[in-house]
Amino acid sequence: MSNCQRILGLLKQLNASYPNYNMARHISTALDEYGNFWGLSDKELLFALEKYKAELEMDYPHKDDEINDIVKDGMDLDNILKEENGEEF
């Protein structure tokens, strides 16, 4: 299978798995790190899309209470670090 066919297949998978995202968003986000991508080879484009797909699959939505706990812990990070180092505060 050629890289071009693999790219098209990957774009179809992304469209099926993430129907709320349009193709332009997938492509733009996948190529965000490349700056000027006009000279990108099919192999490099395929790699960028595969990496992007893997990142999407690893990222999952968090519940609001989980996010609030993370923010709360971040605001108290100084005390948490002092506590871990055995310092009194």
Protein backbone atom coordinates (compact mmCIF):
# COMPACT_ATOMS: atom_id res chain seq x y z
CA MET A 1 0.00 0.00 0.00
CA SER A 2 1.40 3.41 -0.95
CA ASN A 3 1.87 6.22 1.56
CA CYS A 4 -0.84 8.18 -0.25
CA GLN A 5 -3.34 5.35 0.23
CA ARG A 6 -2.33 5.03 3.87
CA ILE A 7 -2.81 8.79 4.38
CA LEU A 8 -6.30 8.63 2.87
CA GLY A 9 -7.14 5.61 5.02
CA LEU A 10 -5.92 7.39 8.14
CA LEU A 11 -7.99 10.47 7.29
CA LYS A 12 -11.05 8.22 6.87
CA GLN A 13 -10.35 6.66 10.28
CA LEU A 14 -10.01 10.09 11.89
CA ASN A 15 -13.26 11.21 10.29
CA ALA A 16 -15.07 8.12 11.56
CA SER A 17 -13.59 8.24 15.07
CA TYR A 18 -13.89 12.02 15.55
CA PRO A 19 -16.88 13.15 13.46
CA ASN A 20 -17.14 16.45 15.35
CA TYR A 21 -13.76 17.53 13.94
CA ASN A 22 -13.60 18.56 10.30
CA MET A 23 -10.80 17.41 7.98
CA ALA A 24 -9.14 20.82 8.00
CA ARG A 25 -8.86 20.65 11.79
CA HIS A 26 -7.28 17.20 11.67
CA ILE A 27 -4.76 18.20 9.01
CA SER A 28 -3.99 21.59 10.53
CA THR A 29 -3.43 20.17 14.01
CA ALA A 30 -1.32 17.28 12.71
CA LEU A 31 0.92 19.69 10.80
CA ASP A 32 1.03 22.42 13.45
CA GLU A 33 4.64 21.69 14.40
CA TYR A 34 5.88 21.74 10.80
CA GLY A 35 5.47 25.42 9.95
CA ASN A 36 5.90 25.50 6.18
CA PHE A 37 4.65 22.08 5.11
CA TRP A 38 4.58 22.59 1.33
CA GLY A 39 7.73 20.54 0.87
CA LEU A 40 6.58 17.73 3.17
CA SER A 41 6.93 14.27 1.68
CA ASP A 42 4.08 11.76 1.80
CA LYS A 43 6.13 9.77 4.30
CA GLU A 44 6.46 12.79 6.60
CA LEU A 45 2.75 13.61 6.25
CA LEU A 46 1.84 10.05 7.11
CA PHE A 47 4.10 10.18 10.18
CA ALA A 48 2.53 13.48 11.31
CA LEU A 49 -0.99 12.09 10.94
CA GLU A 50 -0.09 8.86 12.75
CA LYS A 51 1.45 10.84 15.60
CA TYR A 52 -1.61 13.10 15.76
CA LYS A 53 -3.97 10.09 15.81
CA ALA A 54 -1.96 8.48 18.63
CA GLU A 55 -2.13 11.72 20.64
CA LEU A 56 -5.90 11.90 20.15
CA GLU A 57 -6.30 8.31 21.30
CA MET A 58 -4.23 8.92 24.44
CA ASP A 59 -6.13 12.07 25.33
CA TYR A 60 -9.42 11.34 27.03
CA PRO A 61 -11.96 13.67 28.61
CA HIS A 62 -11.75 14.23 32.34
CA LYS A 63 -14.65 14.79 34.68
CA ASP A 64 -15.10 18.27 36.12
CA ASP A 65 -14.32 17.09 39.65
CA GLU A 66 -11.00 15.58 38.46
CA ILE A 67 -10.04 18.88 36.84
CA ASN A 68 -11.02 20.81 39.96
CA ASP A 69 -8.85 18.48 42.10
CA ILE A 70 -5.87 19.03 39.78
CA VAL A 71 -6.31 22.81 39.92
CA LYS A 72 -6.70 22.73 43.72
CA ASP A 73 -3.57 20.61 44.13
CA GLY A 74 -1.68 22.94 41.79
CA MET A 75 -2.65 25.94 43.89
CA ASP A 76 -1.34 24.15 46.99
CA LEU A 77 1.78 22.77 45.29
CA ASP A 78 4.21 24.68 47.51
CA ASN A 79 2.79 23.09 50.66
CA ILE A 80 2.68 19.64 49.04
CA LEU A 81 6.36 19.89 48.09
CA LYS A 82 7.32 21.10 51.57
CA GLU A 83 5.41 18.21 53.08
CA GLU A 84 7.17 15.69 50.84
CA ASN A 85 10.55 17.15 51.82
CA GLY A 86 9.72 16.85 55.51
CA GLU A 87 9.55 20.59 56.03
CA GLU A 88 7.05 22.11 58.37
CA PHE A 89 4.91 24.96 57.18
